[in-house]
N, C-alpha and C. Protein backbone atom coordinates (compact mmCIF):
# COMPACT_ATOMS: atom_id res chain seq x y z
N MET A 1 11.90 10.17 -17.11
CA MET A 1 11.11 9.18 -16.01
C MET A 1 12.11 8.49 -14.94
N LEU A 2 11.08 8.58 -13.79
CA LEU A 2 11.81 8.43 -13.13
C LEU A 2 12.45 6.76 -12.72
N PRO A 3 13.33 6.56 -11.94
CA PRO A 3 13.77 5.17 -12.18
C PRO A 3 12.54 4.42 -11.36
N GLY A 4 12.33 3.38 -11.94
CA GLY A 4 11.29 2.52 -11.59
C GLY A 4 10.26 2.35 -12.09
N LYS A 5 10.30 3.26 -12.75
CA LYS A 5 8.70 3.58 -13.52
C LYS A 5 8.64 2.43 -14.95
N LYS A 6 7.63 2.62 -15.68
CA LYS A 6 7.18 1.52 -16.33
C LYS A 6 7.10 2.69 -17.26
N SER A 7 7.55 2.64 -18.78
CA SER A 7 6.88 3.81 -19.46
C SER A 7 5.70 3.72 -19.78
N GLY A 8 5.24 4.71 -19.05
CA GLY A 8 3.34 4.40 -19.90
C GLY A 8 2.73 4.32 -19.16
N PHE A 9 2.85 4.05 -17.70
CA PHE A 9 2.17 3.14 -16.73
C PHE A 9 1.98 4.81 -16.47
N GLU A 10 0.27 4.46 -15.95
CA GLU A 10 -0.45 6.06 -15.36
C GLU A 10 -0.92 5.27 -13.90
N LEU A 11 -0.92 5.76 -12.71
CA LEU A 11 -1.54 5.56 -11.90
C LEU A 11 -2.10 6.85 -11.48
N ASP A 12 -3.21 5.76 -11.25
CA ASP A 12 -4.68 6.04 -10.90
C ASP A 12 -4.78 7.85 -10.23
N VAL A 13 -5.11 8.61 -10.52
CA VAL A 13 -5.53 10.59 -9.75
C VAL A 13 -5.49 10.18 -9.04
N ARG A 14 -6.90 9.27 -8.30
CA ARG A 14 -7.37 9.24 -6.82
C ARG A 14 -6.33 8.58 -5.64
N LEU A 15 -5.37 7.34 -6.40
CA LEU A 15 -4.86 6.93 -5.67
C LEU A 15 -3.59 7.68 -5.31
N GLU A 16 -3.53 8.66 -6.35
CA GLU A 16 -2.17 9.46 -6.24
C GLU A 16 -2.25 10.14 -5.10
N ARG A 17 -3.93 11.05 -5.45
CA ARG A 17 -3.75 11.83 -4.63
C ARG A 17 -4.18 11.53 -2.80
N ALA A 18 -4.42 10.25 -2.37
CA ALA A 18 -5.06 9.77 -1.02
C ALA A 18 -3.46 9.44 -0.67
N SER A 19 -2.20 9.02 -1.45
CA SER A 19 -0.75 8.35 -0.49
C SER A 19 0.10 8.85 -1.95
N ILE A 20 1.36 8.86 -0.93
CA ILE A 20 2.93 8.89 -0.76
C ILE A 20 3.63 7.91 -1.66
N PRO A 21 4.35 8.27 -2.35
CA PRO A 21 5.19 7.21 -2.92
C PRO A 21 6.53 6.78 -1.62
N VAL A 22 6.25 5.75 -1.76
CA VAL A 22 7.66 5.15 -0.53
C VAL A 22 9.12 4.57 -1.06
N MET A 23 8.59 3.68 -2.11
CA MET A 23 9.68 2.54 -2.95
C MET A 23 9.33 2.25 -4.03
N TRP A 24 9.78 2.01 -5.26
CA TRP A 24 9.77 1.18 -6.11
C TRP A 24 10.57 -0.47 -5.45
N LEU A 25 9.37 -1.21 -5.53
CA LEU A 25 10.05 -3.04 -5.08
C LEU A 25 10.52 -3.43 -6.67
N GLY A 26 9.99 -3.80 -7.74
CA GLY A 26 10.34 -4.34 -8.65
C GLY A 26 9.36 -4.86 -9.42
N LEU A 27 7.50 -5.08 -9.26
CA LEU A 27 7.27 -4.64 -9.83
C LEU A 27 5.69 -4.10 -9.42
N CYS A 28 5.75 -4.26 -7.88
CA CYS A 28 4.87 -1.75 -7.64
C CYS A 28 5.76 -1.05 -7.21
N GLU A 29 5.21 -0.54 -7.24
CA GLU A 29 4.93 0.96 -6.29
C GLU A 29 4.76 0.74 -4.86
N LEU A 30 5.10 0.90 -3.72
CA LEU A 30 4.94 0.71 -2.11
C LEU A 30 4.58 2.34 -2.01
N ARG A 31 3.39 2.31 -1.80
CA ARG A 31 2.84 3.99 -1.68
C ARG A 31 2.59 3.58 0.15
N LEU A 32 2.06 4.63 0.77
CA LEU A 32 1.87 4.86 1.53
C LEU A 32 0.28 6.26 2.00
N ILE A 33 -0.91 5.85 2.13
CA ILE A 33 -2.05 6.10 2.65
C ILE A 33 -1.45 7.28 3.72
N ASN A 34 -2.09 8.56 3.12
CA ASN A 34 -1.96 9.63 3.74
C ASN A 34 -2.93 9.88 5.27
N ASP A 35 -2.64 8.67 5.90
CA ASP A 35 -3.51 8.04 7.39
C ASP A 35 -3.21 7.88 7.90
N ARG A 36 -2.51 8.93 9.24
CA ARG A 36 -1.97 8.52 10.66
C ARG A 36 -3.11 7.32 11.56
N ARG A 37 -4.58 7.13 11.33
CA ARG A 37 -4.85 6.88 12.15
C ARG A 37 -4.28 4.86 12.52
N TRP A 38 -4.35 4.64 11.12
CA TRP A 38 -3.26 3.51 11.18
C TRP A 38 -2.51 3.43 9.81
N PRO A 39 -1.35 2.55 9.99
CA PRO A 39 -0.60 2.92 8.53
C PRO A 39 -0.91 1.72 7.79
N TRP A 40 -1.25 1.94 6.73
CA TRP A 40 -1.85 2.05 5.70
C TRP A 40 -1.56 1.32 4.16
N LEU A 41 -0.31 0.38 3.59
CA LEU A 41 0.45 0.67 2.55
C LEU A 41 -0.50 0.25 1.48
N LEU A 42 -0.12 0.78 0.53
CA LEU A 42 -0.89 0.04 -0.86
C LEU A 42 0.42 -0.33 -2.23
N LEU A 43 0.43 -1.43 -2.63
CA LEU A 43 1.36 -2.17 -3.48
C LEU A 43 0.64 -2.10 -4.95
N VAL A 44 0.88 -1.54 -6.00
CA VAL A 44 0.06 -0.88 -7.42
C VAL A 44 1.21 -2.02 -7.87
N PRO A 45 0.32 -2.51 -9.20
CA PRO A 45 1.37 -3.27 -9.95
C PRO A 45 1.58 -2.37 -10.97
N GLN A 46 2.60 -1.79 -11.60
CA GLN A 46 2.73 -1.33 -12.53
C GLN A 46 2.94 -1.24 -14.05
N ARG A 47 1.51 -1.92 -14.12
CA ARG A 47 0.80 -1.86 -15.59
C ARG A 47 -0.88 -1.83 -15.34
N ASN A 48 -0.53 -1.42 -17.12
CA ASN A 48 -2.13 -0.56 -17.46
C ASN A 48 -2.65 -1.93 -17.64
N ASP A 49 -3.89 -1.10 -17.18
CA ASP A 49 -5.44 -1.90 -18.09
C ASP A 49 -4.87 -3.35 -17.20
N ILE A 50 -5.05 -3.20 -16.39
CA ILE A 50 -5.55 -4.29 -14.74
C ILE A 50 -5.70 -4.36 -13.59
N GLU A 51 -7.06 -5.05 -13.74
CA GLU A 51 -8.48 -4.10 -13.03
C GLU A 51 -8.34 -5.20 -11.76
N GLU A 52 -7.80 -6.55 -12.32
CA GLU A 52 -7.61 -8.28 -11.34
C GLU A 52 -6.61 -8.86 -11.07
N MET A 53 -6.44 -8.83 -10.05
CA MET A 53 -5.70 -10.24 -10.05
C MET A 53 -4.85 -10.86 -11.01
N HIS A 54 -6.63 -12.17 -11.71
CA HIS A 54 -5.99 -12.93 -12.38
C HIS A 54 -5.73 -12.00 -13.95
N ASP A 55 -5.47 -11.18 -14.06
CA ASP A 55 -4.98 -10.17 -15.27
C ASP A 55 -4.13 -9.95 -15.16
N LEU A 56 -3.37 -10.37 -14.63
CA LEU A 56 -1.50 -10.28 -14.23
C LEU A 56 -1.04 -11.22 -14.98
N THR A 57 0.15 -11.75 -15.41
CA THR A 57 0.97 -13.04 -15.62
C THR A 57 0.88 -13.72 -15.03
N PRO A 58 1.45 -14.90 -15.21
CA PRO A 58 1.35 -16.29 -14.34
C PRO A 58 2.41 -15.24 -13.89
N LEU A 59 3.68 -14.89 -13.97
CA LEU A 59 5.29 -14.45 -13.44
C LEU A 59 4.46 -13.14 -12.67
N ASP A 60 3.84 -12.35 -13.38
CA ASP A 60 3.63 -11.07 -12.77
C ASP A 60 2.18 -11.45 -11.26
N GLN A 61 1.49 -12.76 -11.07
CA GLN A 61 1.47 -13.08 -9.95
C GLN A 61 2.38 -13.65 -8.88
N ALA A 62 3.06 -14.36 -9.72
CA ALA A 62 4.21 -14.81 -8.21
C ALA A 62 4.53 -13.68 -8.21
N MET A 63 5.24 -12.15 -8.46
CA MET A 63 6.09 -11.29 -8.28
C MET A 63 5.48 -10.83 -6.99
N LEU A 64 3.82 -10.59 -7.60
CA LEU A 64 2.97 -9.72 -6.77
C LEU A 64 3.10 -10.44 -5.09
N THR A 65 2.84 -12.03 -5.58
CA THR A 65 2.60 -12.34 -4.44
C THR A 65 3.99 -12.44 -3.13
N PHE A 66 5.19 -12.43 -3.78
CA PHE A 66 6.25 -12.65 -3.27
C PHE A 66 6.39 -11.41 -2.26
N GLU A 67 6.21 -10.04 -3.13
CA GLU A 67 6.02 -8.27 -2.62
C GLU A 67 5.64 -8.59 -2.07
N LEU A 68 4.05 -8.81 -1.92
CA LEU A 68 3.00 -8.61 -0.95
C LEU A 68 3.68 -9.17 0.40
N SER A 69 4.21 -10.64 -0.07
CA SER A 69 4.27 -11.56 1.74
C SER A 69 5.81 -10.09 1.96
N MET A 70 6.84 -9.65 1.63
CA MET A 70 7.93 -9.04 1.98
C MET A 70 6.81 -7.62 3.06
N VAL A 71 6.06 -6.98 2.50
CA VAL A 71 5.54 -5.87 2.55
C VAL A 71 5.12 -6.27 3.62
N SER A 72 4.25 -7.06 3.71
CA SER A 72 2.83 -7.32 4.68
C SER A 72 4.33 -7.61 6.43
N LYS A 73 5.25 -8.24 6.50
CA LYS A 73 6.53 -8.69 7.21
C LYS A 73 6.80 -7.48 7.31
N ALA A 74 7.20 -7.12 6.88
CA ALA A 74 8.18 -5.91 7.02
C ALA A 74 7.45 -4.51 8.06
N LEU A 75 5.72 -4.59 7.54
CA LEU A 75 5.07 -3.72 8.30
C LEU A 75 4.74 -4.20 9.15
N LYS A 76 4.65 -5.43 9.76
CA LYS A 76 4.21 -6.64 11.17
C LYS A 76 5.58 -6.42 12.28
N GLN A 77 6.64 -5.82 11.56
CA GLN A 77 7.89 -6.12 12.09
C GLN A 77 8.14 -4.32 12.90
N VAL A 78 7.34 -3.25 11.66
CA VAL A 78 8.30 -1.86 12.22
C VAL A 78 7.20 -1.18 12.97
N THR A 79 5.72 -1.67 12.69
CA THR A 79 4.32 -1.38 13.86
C THR A 79 4.13 -2.10 14.31
N ASP A 80 5.06 -3.02 15.25
CA ASP A 80 4.67 -4.36 16.10
C ASP A 80 3.12 -4.24 16.23
N CYS A 81 1.74 -4.80 15.20
CA CYS A 81 0.81 -4.68 15.34
C CYS A 81 0.48 -6.04 15.91
N ASP A 82 -0.67 -6.20 15.60
CA ASP A 82 -1.47 -7.24 15.70
C ASP A 82 -1.78 -8.28 15.28
N THR A 83 -1.94 -7.58 14.50
CA THR A 83 -2.72 -8.27 12.56
C THR A 83 -2.25 -7.46 11.07
N VAL A 84 -1.85 -8.17 10.28
CA VAL A 84 -1.67 -7.32 8.86
C VAL A 84 -3.29 -8.15 7.66
N ASN A 85 -3.52 -6.13 7.73
CA ASN A 85 -5.31 -6.35 6.97
C ASN A 85 -4.99 -6.68 5.61
N ILE A 86 -5.34 -7.54 4.65
CA ILE A 86 -4.71 -7.26 3.27
C ILE A 86 -5.70 -7.55 2.77
N SER A 87 -6.28 -6.44 1.44
CA SER A 87 -7.03 -6.63 1.05
C SER A 87 -7.27 -6.19 -0.91
N VAL A 88 -8.40 -6.98 -1.78
CA VAL A 88 -8.30 -5.95 -3.15
C VAL A 88 -9.81 -6.60 -3.03
N ALA A 89 -9.48 -4.87 -2.95
CA ALA A 89 -11.19 -4.73 -3.50
C ALA A 89 -11.16 -3.30 -4.63
N CYS A 90 -11.15 -3.37 -5.70
CA CYS A 90 -10.39 -2.60 -7.24
C CYS A 90 -12.31 -2.06 -6.97
N ASN A 91 -13.19 -1.43 -6.29
CA ASN A 91 -14.71 -1.38 -6.59
C ASN A 91 -14.50 0.01 -7.16
N ALA A 92 -14.08 0.68 -6.42
CA ALA A 92 -14.39 2.22 -6.46
C ALA A 92 -12.89 2.06 -7.25
N VAL A 93 -12.10 2.69 -7.02
CA VAL A 93 -11.15 3.02 -8.23
C VAL A 93 -10.35 1.20 -8.24
N ARG A 94 -10.60 1.07 -10.19
CA ARG A 94 -10.83 -0.03 -10.91
C ARG A 94 -9.37 -0.74 -11.12
N GLN A 95 -7.86 0.32 -11.28
CA GLN A 95 -6.79 -0.08 -11.42
C GLN A 95 -6.43 -1.02 -9.77
N LEU A 96 -5.93 -1.67 -10.19
CA LEU A 96 -5.10 -2.88 -9.49
C LEU A 96 -4.68 -2.45 -8.24
N HIS A 97 -4.91 -2.77 -6.66
CA HIS A 97 -4.15 -2.18 -5.79
C HIS A 97 -4.25 -3.05 -4.96
N ILE A 98 -3.96 -3.64 -3.70
CA ILE A 98 -3.89 -3.78 -3.20
C ILE A 98 -2.87 -3.27 -1.13
N ASP A 99 -4.18 -2.99 -0.82
CA ASP A 99 -4.24 -2.53 0.78
C ASP A 99 -3.67 -3.81 1.85
N VAL A 100 -2.61 -2.69 2.16
CA VAL A 100 -1.93 -3.39 3.90
C VAL A 100 -1.84 -2.65 4.91
N VAL A 101 -2.91 -3.35 5.91
CA VAL A 101 -2.80 -2.27 6.82
C VAL A 101 -2.68 -2.72 8.14
N ALA A 102 -1.85 -2.40 8.87
CA ALA A 102 -1.54 -3.11 10.11
C ALA A 102 -2.96 -2.42 11.13
N ARG A 103 -3.07 -3.63 11.77
CA ARG A 103 -4.14 -3.08 12.39
C ARG A 103 -4.31 -3.43 14.54
N SER A 104 -4.21 -3.10 15.51
CA SER A 104 -3.66 -3.29 16.64
C SER A 104 -5.12 -3.53 17.12
N ARG A 105 -4.73 -3.81 18.49
CA ARG A 105 -6.74 -3.31 18.96
C ARG A 105 -6.74 -1.53 20.17
N SER A 106 -5.80 -1.91 19.37
CA SER A 106 -6.16 0.39 19.89
C SER A 106 -6.30 0.77 19.13
N ASP A 107 -6.47 0.34 18.39
CA ASP A 107 -6.41 1.50 16.43
C ASP A 107 -8.47 1.81 17.29
N PRO A 108 -8.46 2.88 16.36
CA PRO A 108 -9.96 3.62 16.37
C PRO A 108 -11.09 3.00 15.88
N ALA A 109 -10.78 2.40 14.88
CA ALA A 109 -12.19 1.81 14.37
C ALA A 109 -11.80 -0.08 15.09
N TRP A 110 -11.00 -0.61 15.45
CA TRP A 110 -10.47 -2.16 15.90
C TRP A 110 -12.05 -2.64 16.44
N PRO A 111 -12.27 -3.82 15.95
CA PRO A 111 -12.07 -4.65 15.73
C PRO A 111 -12.68 -4.37 14.19
N GLY A 112 -13.42 -3.29 13.77
CA GLY A 112 -14.16 -2.78 12.48
C GLY A 112 -13.34 -3.01 11.10
N PRO A 113 -14.05 -2.25 10.29
CA PRO A 113 -13.16 -2.00 8.64
C PRO A 113 -12.76 -0.44 9.14
N ILE A 114 -12.03 -0.63 8.38
CA ILE A 114 -11.02 0.49 8.12
C ILE A 114 -12.45 1.87 7.70
N TRP A 115 -13.14 1.32 6.32
CA TRP A 115 -13.36 1.79 5.35
C TRP A 115 -14.87 2.93 5.85
N ASP A 116 -14.39 3.94 6.90
CA ASP A 116 -15.22 3.93 7.66
C ASP A 116 -15.98 5.69 6.97
N GLY A 117 -15.39 6.16 6.30
CA GLY A 117 -15.46 7.29 4.96
C GLY A 117 -15.39 8.95 5.97
N GLU A 118 -14.36 8.59 6.87
CA GLU A 118 -14.48 9.43 7.73
C GLU A 118 -13.31 10.47 7.33
N PRO A 119 -12.86 11.43 7.05
CA PRO A 119 -11.71 12.27 6.53
C PRO A 119 -10.97 11.80 7.33
N HIS A 120 -9.29 11.37 6.12
CA HIS A 120 -8.50 11.61 6.85
C HIS A 120 -7.57 11.65 8.16
N GLN A 121 -7.07 11.68 8.19
CA GLN A 121 -6.03 12.79 9.11
C GLN A 121 -4.84 12.25 8.90
N PRO A 122 -3.76 13.25 7.38
CA PRO A 122 -2.83 13.17 7.10
C PRO A 122 -1.40 13.38 8.40
N TYR A 123 -0.39 12.58 7.89
CA TYR A 123 0.50 12.78 8.45
C TYR A 123 1.45 14.16 9.36
N MET A 124 1.53 14.20 10.04
CA MET A 124 2.68 15.34 10.26
C MET A 124 3.79 14.44 9.80
N ARG A 125 4.91 15.61 9.52
CA ARG A 125 5.48 15.76 8.11
C ARG A 125 6.83 14.97 9.30
N GLN A 126 6.82 15.57 10.47
CA GLN A 126 8.21 15.05 11.69
C GLN A 126 7.51 13.59 11.85
N SER A 127 6.88 12.79 11.98
CA SER A 127 6.22 11.54 12.12
C SER A 127 6.62 10.81 10.84
N LEU A 128 6.31 11.21 9.40
CA LEU A 128 5.96 10.77 8.51
C LEU A 128 7.80 9.88 7.89
N ALA A 129 8.48 11.09 8.42
CA ALA A 129 10.06 10.90 7.64
C ALA A 129 10.45 9.67 8.85
N PRO A 130 11.25 9.94 9.89
CA PRO A 130 11.25 7.96 10.81
C PRO A 130 10.34 7.03 10.15
N PHE A 131 9.23 6.58 9.52
CA PHE A 131 8.72 5.98 9.95
C PHE A 131 8.06 5.03 8.32
N LEU A 132 8.56 5.94 7.93
CA LEU A 132 9.47 5.33 6.15
C LEU A 132 10.41 5.17 5.83
N GLU A 133 11.50 5.69 7.16
CA GLU A 133 13.47 5.07 6.99
C GLU A 133 13.13 4.01 7.48
N LYS A 134 12.16 3.69 8.40
CA LYS A 134 12.66 2.14 9.34
C LYS A 134 11.26 1.24 8.04
N LEU A 135 10.59 1.64 7.99
CA LEU A 135 9.60 0.83 6.73
C LEU A 135 10.87 0.63 5.69
N ARG A 136 11.21 1.82 4.85
CA ARG A 136 12.20 1.16 3.80
C ARG A 136 13.66 0.06 4.45
N ALA A 137 13.94 0.30 5.55
CA ALA A 137 14.70 -0.02 6.23
C ALA A 137 14.46 -2.22 5.91
N ALA A 138 13.67 -1.82 6.69
CA ALA A 138 12.98 -3.39 7.28
C ALA A 138 12.75 -3.80 5.76
N LEU A 139 12.52 -2.94 4.75
CA LEU A 139 12.53 -3.87 3.59
C LEU A 139 13.99 -4.26 2.06
């Protein structure tokens, strides 16, 4: 078992394929969607069979709120974005996950949604490592 991994927890294969592990926070695994058009993070509570925030225990709900606030603040600091969008829309992937996206007036979809259906534009290795280092340092 990897450090921080809860025994028996299974990440939805679609989330795993679309994202890169960043770090373990406590309740959640923090992941980065592999799309360089915008910094897009995922918080995935390490609990099985949880689809909605209200399915979490009250203690887990409080921890999720704390981790979400911490991640949002760090993302804004690292990217100097105009705003941070937060979404909990577990329609296609039923496993509870929270999208945390840095949005700027200069991004390709501004001010519209990022769910455009276009193929992701993966990060280049040389730009990914420095971004993850800054993000981890901010957290």
